[in-house]
N, C-alpha and C. Protein backbone atom coordinates (compact mmCIF):
# COMPACT_ATOMS: atom_id res chain seq x y z
N UNK A 1 -5.96 -10.55 -6.97
CA UNK A 1 -7.00 -9.68 -6.41
C UNK A 1 -6.52 -8.21 -5.80
N UNK A 2 -7.24 -7.55 -5.75
CA UNK A 2 -7.01 -5.97 -5.39
C UNK A 2 -7.94 -5.80 -4.43
N UNK A 3 -7.65 -4.98 -3.40
CA UNK A 3 -8.37 -4.49 -1.97
C UNK A 3 -8.39 -3.12 -2.07
N UNK A 4 -9.89 -2.74 -1.97
CA UNK A 4 -10.39 -1.20 -1.93
C UNK A 4 -10.90 -0.84 -0.78
N UNK A 5 -10.38 0.63 -0.43
CA UNK A 5 -10.67 1.21 0.45
C UNK A 5 -11.36 2.37 0.27
N UNK A 6 -12.71 2.69 0.52
CA UNK A 6 -13.21 3.99 0.53
C UNK A 6 -12.61 4.67 1.20
N UNK A 7 -11.91 5.95 0.70
CA UNK A 7 -11.25 7.06 1.40
C UNK A 7 -12.59 8.58 1.36
N UNK A 8 -12.77 8.76 2.57
CA UNK A 8 -13.39 10.16 2.69
C UNK A 8 -12.75 11.16 2.39
N UNK A 9 -13.17 12.07 2.01
CA UNK A 9 -12.52 13.25 1.85
C UNK A 9 -12.92 14.27 2.78
N UNK A 10 -12.07 14.90 3.42
CA UNK A 10 -12.49 15.66 4.47
C UNK A 10 -11.97 17.49 4.26
N UNK A 11 -13.12 17.99 4.82
CA UNK A 11 -12.49 19.70 4.30
C UNK A 11 -11.17 20.04 4.47
N UNK A 12 -10.44 19.81 5.46
CA UNK A 12 -9.32 20.17 6.06
C UNK A 12 -8.13 19.46 5.08
N UNK A 13 -8.45 18.38 4.04
CA UNK A 13 -7.53 17.69 2.97
C UNK A 13 -7.47 19.03 1.61
N UNK A 14 -8.22 19.93 1.85
CA UNK A 14 -7.88 20.83 0.59
C UNK A 14 -6.81 22.06 0.57
N UNK A 15 -6.44 22.20 -0.30
CA UNK A 15 -5.96 23.58 -0.27
C UNK A 15 -6.50 24.80 -0.42
N UNK A 16 -5.77 25.88 -0.75
CA UNK A 16 -6.67 27.41 -0.91
C UNK A 16 -7.59 27.34 -2.16
N UNK A 17 -7.23 26.22 -3.23
CA UNK A 17 -7.97 26.34 -4.65
C UNK A 17 -9.12 25.19 -4.56
N UNK A 18 -9.32 24.56 -3.42
CA UNK A 18 -10.58 23.93 -3.64
C UNK A 18 -9.80 22.22 -3.80
N UNK A 19 -8.73 22.11 -3.81
CA UNK A 19 -8.23 20.78 -4.42
C UNK A 19 -7.46 20.03 -3.18
N UNK A 20 -7.60 18.71 -3.31
CA UNK A 20 -7.13 17.79 -2.15
C UNK A 20 -5.46 18.15 -2.24
N UNK A 21 -4.91 18.73 -1.51
CA UNK A 21 -3.38 18.75 -1.24
C UNK A 21 -2.72 17.57 -1.54
N UNK A 22 -1.78 18.04 -2.55
CA UNK A 22 -0.83 16.64 -2.69
C UNK A 22 -0.30 15.89 -1.53
N UNK A 23 0.35 16.46 -0.64
CA UNK A 23 0.69 15.87 0.37
C UNK A 23 -0.38 14.96 1.33
N UNK A 24 -1.76 15.25 1.24
CA UNK A 24 -2.50 14.55 1.90
C UNK A 24 -2.71 13.21 1.34
N UNK A 25 -2.61 13.01 0.25
CA UNK A 25 -2.38 11.45 -0.66
C UNK A 25 -1.74 10.66 -0.17
N UNK A 26 -0.43 11.06 0.78
CA UNK A 26 0.58 10.08 1.30
C UNK A 26 -0.28 9.64 2.72
N UNK A 27 -1.13 10.27 3.32
CA UNK A 27 -2.04 10.32 4.55
C UNK A 27 -3.11 9.00 3.57
N UNK A 28 -3.65 8.96 2.56
CA UNK A 28 -4.57 8.45 2.32
C UNK A 28 -4.37 7.28 1.48
N UNK A 29 -2.92 7.12 1.36
CA UNK A 29 -2.56 5.88 1.08
C UNK A 29 -2.00 5.19 2.45
N UNK A 30 -1.60 5.83 3.59
CA UNK A 30 -1.44 5.14 4.69
C UNK A 30 -2.69 4.33 5.01
N UNK A 31 -4.04 5.51 5.11
CA UNK A 31 -5.15 4.79 5.62
C UNK A 31 -5.85 3.45 4.86
N UNK A 32 -5.16 3.27 3.63
CA UNK A 32 -5.66 2.23 2.87
C UNK A 32 -4.82 0.92 3.32
N UNK A 33 -3.53 1.46 3.08
CA UNK A 33 -2.32 0.32 3.51
C UNK A 33 -3.05 -0.13 5.17
N UNK A 34 -3.29 0.53 5.97
CA UNK A 34 -3.61 0.27 7.15
C UNK A 34 -4.85 -0.71 7.17
N UNK A 35 -6.12 -0.58 6.40
CA UNK A 35 -6.99 -1.02 6.43
C UNK A 35 -6.80 -2.27 5.72
N UNK A 36 -6.02 -2.43 4.76
CA UNK A 36 -5.39 -4.03 4.12
C UNK A 36 -4.74 -4.83 5.05
N UNK A 37 -3.62 -4.18 5.58
CA UNK A 37 -2.78 -5.07 6.77
C UNK A 37 -3.44 -5.29 8.09
N UNK A 38 -4.05 -4.53 8.50
CA UNK A 38 -4.40 -4.87 10.05
C UNK A 38 -6.25 -4.98 9.69
N UNK A 39 -6.61 -5.78 9.29
CA UNK A 39 -8.13 -6.18 9.17
C UNK A 39 -8.33 -7.36 10.53
N UNK A 40 -9.57 -7.53 11.21
CA UNK A 40 -9.84 -8.47 11.57
C UNK A 40 -9.46 -9.83 11.38
N UNK A 41 -9.90 -10.30 9.94
CA UNK A 41 -10.13 -11.62 9.33
C UNK A 41 -8.40 -12.00 9.04
N UNK A 42 -7.37 -11.05 8.39
CA UNK A 42 -6.38 -11.22 8.02
C UNK A 42 -5.47 -10.35 8.90
N UNK A 43 -4.98 -10.07 10.07
CA UNK A 43 -3.87 -9.48 10.55
C UNK A 43 -2.32 -9.64 10.46
N UNK A 44 -1.90 -8.48 9.58
CA UNK A 44 -0.65 -8.82 9.37
C UNK A 44 0.24 -8.40 10.60
N UNK A 45 0.37 -9.62 11.49
CA UNK A 45 0.56 -9.28 13.22
C UNK A 45 2.12 -8.75 13.23
N UNK A 46 2.91 -9.10 12.50
CA UNK A 46 4.44 -8.55 12.75
C UNK A 46 4.32 -7.02 12.56
N UNK A 47 5.39 -6.48 12.88
CA UNK A 47 5.43 -4.93 12.42
C UNK A 47 6.14 -4.57 11.40
N UNK A 48 5.85 -3.46 10.71
CA UNK A 48 6.33 -3.20 9.68
C UNK A 48 7.03 -1.59 9.43
N UNK A 49 7.69 -1.28 8.49
CA UNK A 49 7.85 0.13 8.56
C UNK A 49 8.18 0.50 6.98
N UNK A 50 7.93 1.66 6.31
CA UNK A 50 7.77 2.03 5.08
C UNK A 50 9.27 2.50 4.84
N UNK A 51 9.62 1.92 3.43
CA UNK A 51 11.07 2.20 3.44
C UNK A 51 11.12 3.38 2.06
N UNK A 52 10.31 3.45 1.12
CA UNK A 52 10.31 4.38 0.12
C UNK A 52 8.53 4.29 -0.57
N UNK A 53 8.43 5.54 -0.66
CA UNK A 53 6.82 5.95 -1.82
C UNK A 53 7.68 6.47 -2.97
N UNK A 54 6.59 6.38 -4.21
CA UNK A 54 6.70 6.87 -5.09
C UNK A 54 5.25 7.11 -5.48
N UNK A 55 5.47 8.68 -5.90
CA UNK A 55 3.89 8.91 -6.27
C UNK A 55 3.67 9.87 -7.69
N UNK A 56 2.93 9.22 -8.47
CA UNK A 56 2.65 10.19 -10.06
C UNK A 56 1.63 10.61 -9.59
N UNK A 57 1.44 11.92 -9.78
CA UNK A 57 0.19 12.83 -9.65
C UNK A 57 -0.19 12.73 -11.24
N UNK A 58 -1.89 12.22 -11.47
CA UNK A 58 -2.21 12.12 -12.92
C UNK A 58 -3.37 13.52 -12.98
N UNK A 59 -4.17 13.68 -11.98
CA UNK A 59 -5.29 14.82 -12.21
C UNK A 59 -5.54 15.29 -10.92
N UNK A 60 -5.99 16.64 -10.71
CA UNK A 60 -6.10 17.53 -9.75
C UNK A 60 -7.31 16.28 -9.12
N UNK A 61 -7.62 16.67 -7.64
CA UNK A 61 -8.88 15.96 -7.14
C UNK A 61 -9.78 17.32 -6.42
N UNK A 62 -10.67 17.33 -6.75
CA UNK A 62 -11.27 18.28 -6.53
C UNK A 62 -11.93 18.07 -5.00
N UNK A 63 -11.99 18.71 -3.91
CA UNK A 63 -12.77 18.44 -2.50
C UNK A 63 -14.02 18.60 -3.07
N UNK A 64 -15.01 17.32 -2.77
CA UNK A 64 -16.08 16.84 -2.84
C UNK A 64 -16.79 16.17 -1.09
N UNK A 65 -17.94 15.83 -1.29
CA UNK A 65 -18.65 15.16 -0.15
C UNK A 65 -18.28 13.45 -0.30
N UNK A 66 -18.32 13.33 -1.86
CA UNK A 66 -18.09 11.68 -1.70
C UNK A 66 -16.73 11.37 -1.62
N UNK A 67 -16.81 9.78 -1.21
CA UNK A 67 -15.38 9.21 -1.33
C UNK A 67 -14.83 8.94 -2.85
N UNK A 68 -13.15 8.71 -2.56
CA UNK A 68 -12.77 7.94 -3.40
C UNK A 68 -12.45 6.85 -3.17
N UNK A 69 -12.04 6.12 -4.25
CA UNK A 69 -11.46 4.85 -4.01
C UNK A 69 -10.07 4.47 -4.02
N UNK A 70 -9.48 3.45 -3.44
CA UNK A 70 -8.12 3.50 -3.49
C UNK A 70 -7.94 1.80 -3.67
N UNK A 71 -7.72 1.56 -4.73
CA UNK A 71 -7.22 0.16 -5.23
C UNK A 71 -5.63 0.00 -4.97
N UNK A 72 -5.45 -1.14 -4.22
CA UNK A 72 -4.12 -1.62 -3.78
C UNK A 72 -4.03 -3.02 -4.04
N UNK A 73 -2.68 -3.58 -4.32
CA UNK A 73 -2.37 -4.76 -4.76
C UNK A 73 -0.85 -4.95 -4.30
N UNK A 74 -0.42 -6.02 -4.35
CA UNK A 74 0.99 -6.70 -4.02
C UNK A 74 1.95 -6.39 -5.44
N UNK A 75 2.74 -5.76 -6.04
CA UNK A 75 3.45 -6.15 -7.19
C UNK A 75 4.69 -6.95 -6.83
N UNK A 76 5.61 -7.03 -5.72
CA UNK A 76 6.30 -7.60 -5.49
C UNK A 76 6.79 -7.94 -3.98
N UNK A 77 7.12 -9.31 -3.83
CA UNK A 77 7.29 -9.78 -2.77
C UNK A 77 8.83 -10.83 -2.58
N UNK A 78 9.57 -10.01 -1.47
CA UNK A 78 10.89 -10.24 -1.52
C UNK A 78 10.85 -11.44 -0.06
N UNK A 79 12.09 -11.68 0.34
CA UNK A 79 12.39 -12.10 1.66
C UNK A 79 12.44 -11.10 2.64
N UNK A 80 12.80 -9.92 2.68
CA UNK A 80 12.44 -9.22 3.69
C UNK A 80 12.05 -7.94 2.95
N UNK A 81 10.73 -7.61 2.04
CA UNK A 81 10.36 -6.32 1.62
C UNK A 81 9.20 -7.12 1.05
N UNK A 82 8.35 -6.10 0.58
CA UNK A 82 7.07 -6.54 -0.21
C UNK A 82 6.69 -4.71 -0.88
N UNK A 83 6.22 -4.99 -2.04
CA UNK A 83 5.98 -3.41 -2.67
C UNK A 83 4.43 -3.60 -2.75
N UNK A 84 3.37 -2.48 -2.25
CA UNK A 84 2.13 -2.34 -2.70
C UNK A 84 2.11 -0.94 -3.40
N UNK A 85 1.23 -1.20 -4.52
CA UNK A 85 0.81 -0.66 -5.66
C UNK A 85 -0.38 0.18 -5.64
N UNK A 86 -0.55 1.44 -5.76
CA UNK A 86 -2.10 2.19 -5.36
C UNK A 86 -2.88 2.64 -6.54
N UNK A 87 -3.70 2.64 -6.92
CA UNK A 87 -4.45 3.83 -7.65
C UNK A 87 -5.33 4.40 -6.79
N UNK A 88 -5.66 5.91 -6.88
CA UNK A 88 -6.66 6.64 -6.19
C UNK A 88 -7.70 7.23 -7.24
N UNK A 89 -8.63 6.54 -7.15
CA UNK A 89 -9.65 7.07 -8.47
C UNK A 89 -11.10 6.82 -8.23
N UNK A 90 -11.75 7.31 -8.88
CA UNK A 90 -13.51 7.02 -8.81
C UNK A 90 -13.89 7.04 -10.11
N UNK A 91 -14.78 5.89 -10.53
CA UNK A 91 -15.21 5.34 -11.82
C UNK A 91 -13.96 5.18 -12.69
N UNK A 92 -13.55 5.98 -13.59
CA UNK A 92 -12.64 5.56 -14.73
C UNK A 92 -11.52 6.62 -14.76
N UNK A 93 -11.45 7.27 -13.78
CA UNK A 93 -10.50 8.76 -13.32
C UNK A 93 -9.48 8.25 -12.42
N UNK A 94 -8.40 8.31 -12.71
CA UNK A 94 -7.22 8.33 -11.92
C UNK A 94 -6.60 9.40 -11.59
N UNK A 95 -6.64 9.92 -10.14
CA UNK A 95 -5.91 11.05 -9.37
C UNK A 95 -4.23 10.28 -9.10
N UNK A 96 -4.37 9.74 -8.72
CA UNK A 96 -2.84 9.30 -8.29
C UNK A 96 -2.53 7.95 -8.62
N UNK A 97 -1.21 7.63 -8.83
CA UNK A 97 -0.81 5.94 -9.37
C UNK A 97 0.63 6.34 -8.32
N UNK A 98 0.63 5.06 -7.07
CA UNK A 98 1.73 5.19 -6.10
C UNK A 98 2.06 3.88 -6.00
N UNK A 99 3.45 3.84 -5.21
CA UNK A 99 3.90 2.36 -4.58
C UNK A 99 4.34 2.67 -3.70
N UNK A 100 4.68 1.81 -2.72
CA UNK A 100 5.25 1.60 -0.96
C UNK A 100 6.04 0.34 -1.05
N UNK A 101 7.42 0.61 -0.59
CA UNK A 101 8.26 -0.38 -0.22
C UNK A 101 7.97 -0.65 1.26
N UNK A 102 7.67 -1.81 1.86
CA UNK A 102 7.44 -1.75 3.29
C UNK A 102 8.56 -3.06 3.75
N UNK A 103 9.35 -2.85 4.45
CA UNK A 103 10.23 -3.68 5.13
C UNK A 103 9.76 -4.19 6.43
N UNK A 104 9.30 -5.61 6.88
CA UNK A 104 8.94 -6.15 8.05
C UNK A 104 9.86 -5.71 9.00
N UNK A 105 9.57 -5.41 10.53
CA UNK A 105 10.50 -4.65 11.32
C UNK A 105 10.38 -5.68 12.30
N UNK A 106 11.11 -6.06 13.45
CA UNK A 106 11.17 -6.29 14.71
C UNK A 106 11.26 -5.13 15.49
N UNK A 107 10.23 -4.76 16.18
CA UNK A 107 10.58 -3.62 16.80
C UNK A 107 11.17 -3.75 18.47
N UNK A 108 11.03 -5.01 18.95
CA UNK A 108 11.82 -5.39 20.31
C UNK A 108 13.20 -5.49 19.87
N UNK A 109 13.87 -5.88 18.90
CA UNK A 109 15.29 -5.86 18.81
C UNK A 109 15.65 -5.09 17.82
N UNK A 110 14.82 -4.08 17.40
CA UNK A 110 14.58 -2.65 16.05
C UNK A 110 15.58 -2.90 15.17
N UNK A 111 15.69 -3.91 14.89
CA UNK A 111 15.83 -4.31 13.24
C UNK A 111 15.02 -4.96 12.16
N UNK A 112 15.39 -4.61 11.04
CA UNK A 112 14.43 -5.44 9.94
C UNK A 112 14.42 -6.63 10.26
N UNK A 113 13.46 -7.48 9.40
CA UNK A 113 13.20 -9.00 9.50
C UNK A 113 12.78 -9.74 8.44
N UNK A 114 12.76 -10.74 8.39
CA UNK A 114 11.95 -11.26 7.04
C UNK A 114 10.71 -11.77 7.25
N UNK A 115 10.35 -11.95 6.27
CA UNK A 115 8.45 -12.30 5.81
C UNK A 115 8.00 -13.55 6.52
N UNK A 116 7.47 -13.79 7.57
CA UNK A 116 7.34 -15.30 7.45
C UNK A 116 6.31 -15.67 6.57
N UNK A 117 6.22 -17.19 6.54
CA UNK A 117 5.57 -18.12 5.29
C UNK A 117 3.69 -17.11 5.87
N UNK A 118 3.39 -17.42 6.88
CA UNK A 118 2.28 -16.71 7.03
C UNK A 118 1.86 -15.39 6.29
N UNK A 119 2.70 -14.32 6.74
CA UNK A 119 2.59 -13.37 5.68
C UNK A 119 2.72 -13.09 4.28
N UNK A 120 3.80 -14.10 3.77
CA UNK A 120 3.43 -14.09 2.42
C UNK A 120 2.80 -14.76 1.81
N UNK A 121 1.41 -16.03 2.33
CA UNK A 121 0.77 -16.24 2.17
C UNK A 121 -0.64 -15.28 1.92
N UNK A 122 -0.32 -14.40 3.01
CA UNK A 122 -1.49 -13.12 2.77
C UNK A 122 -1.27 -12.59 1.25
N UNK A 123 0.31 -11.84 1.73
CA UNK A 123 0.34 -10.96 0.59
C UNK A 123 0.36 -11.70 -0.89
N UNK A 124 0.47 -13.01 -0.95
CA UNK A 124 0.41 -13.85 -2.38
C UNK A 124 -1.70 -13.46 -2.76
N UNK A 125 -2.34 -13.38 -1.79
CA UNK A 125 -3.68 -13.40 -2.14
C UNK A 125 -4.06 -12.06 -3.03
N UNK A 126 -3.31 -11.20 -2.82
CA UNK A 126 -3.12 -9.68 -3.48
C UNK A 126 -2.34 -9.35 -4.18
N UNK A 127 -1.80 -10.36 -4.97
CA UNK A 127 -0.86 -10.03 -5.93
C UNK A 127 -1.56 -10.36 -7.43
N UNK A 128 -0.80 -9.06 -7.89
CA UNK A 128 -1.22 -9.15 -9.51
C UNK A 128 0.34 -9.86 -10.21
N UNK A 129 1.32 -9.05 -9.91
CA UNK A 129 2.58 -9.63 -10.48
C UNK A 129 3.66 -9.33 -9.39
N UNK A 130 4.47 -10.77 -9.62
CA UNK A 130 5.36 -11.19 -8.42
C UNK A 130 6.56 -11.25 -9.40
N UNK A 131 7.31 -10.76 -8.71
CA UNK A 131 8.76 -10.52 -9.57
C UNK A 131 9.56 -11.76 -9.38
N UNK A 132 10.88 -11.97 -9.56
CA UNK A 132 11.59 -13.03 -9.46
C UNK A 132 11.98 -13.33 -7.83
N UNK A 133 11.96 -12.26 -7.34
CA UNK A 133 12.25 -12.49 -5.67
C UNK A 133 13.61 -12.15 -5.30
N UNK A 134 13.83 -12.13 -4.11
CA UNK A 134 15.17 -12.17 -3.75
C UNK A 134 16.11 -13.58 -3.93
N UNK A 135 17.29 -13.35 -4.16
CA UNK A 135 18.13 -14.71 -4.49
C UNK A 135 18.34 -15.29 -3.14
N UNK A 136 18.33 -15.10 -2.00
CA UNK A 136 18.26 -15.58 -0.79
C UNK A 136 16.76 -16.06 -0.19
N UNK A 137 15.75 -15.64 -0.91
CA UNK A 137 14.80 -16.38 -0.63
C UNK A 137 14.39 -17.98 -0.86
N UNK A 138 14.22 -18.68 0.28
CA UNK A 138 14.51 -20.18 -0.30
C UNK A 138 13.39 -20.69 -1.17
N UNK A 139 12.21 -19.90 -1.37
CA UNK A 139 11.25 -20.28 -1.77
C UNK A 139 11.47 -20.00 -3.54
N UNK A 140 12.48 -18.78 -3.78
CA UNK A 140 12.67 -18.43 -4.68
C UNK A 140 13.84 -19.43 -5.28
N UNK A 141 14.50 -19.80 -4.47
CA UNK A 141 15.77 -20.98 -5.00
C UNK A 141 15.25 -22.06 -5.53
N UNK A 142 13.93 -22.42 -4.67
CA UNK A 142 13.45 -23.90 -4.81
C UNK A 142 12.47 -24.03 -6.35
N UNK A 143 12.19 -22.68 -6.85
CA UNK A 143 11.45 -22.72 -8.08
C UNK A 143 12.18 -22.90 -9.18
């Protein structure tokens, strides 16, 4: 299953040529990720931090008043990280494909932590493709 976030375009998002500035796409991905992880029905209650972004710019997005859709899904779940993949698009036009590696984080102890079972269960609902996983992951070893 995929999560869809309708992202509004703002006047300040564009560059001097009327295109959405490429660094603005990071903010769009962040908005979609927050909408996905921190919802009233399924709150990803523990903390997390971004470890890595990869972005492929496919087409220029010209500023307009209509929002774009950001589809996101989980492509990898490991013991202490997971990967979210995104497409920023409208209709059949893809402007950006991206992925973000997220590490669960304990802010009280200021260190990374493992995903708890409830988080893994939530993430699996949005998984299109799960990797073999971390060899230290008990579920991967048991499989």
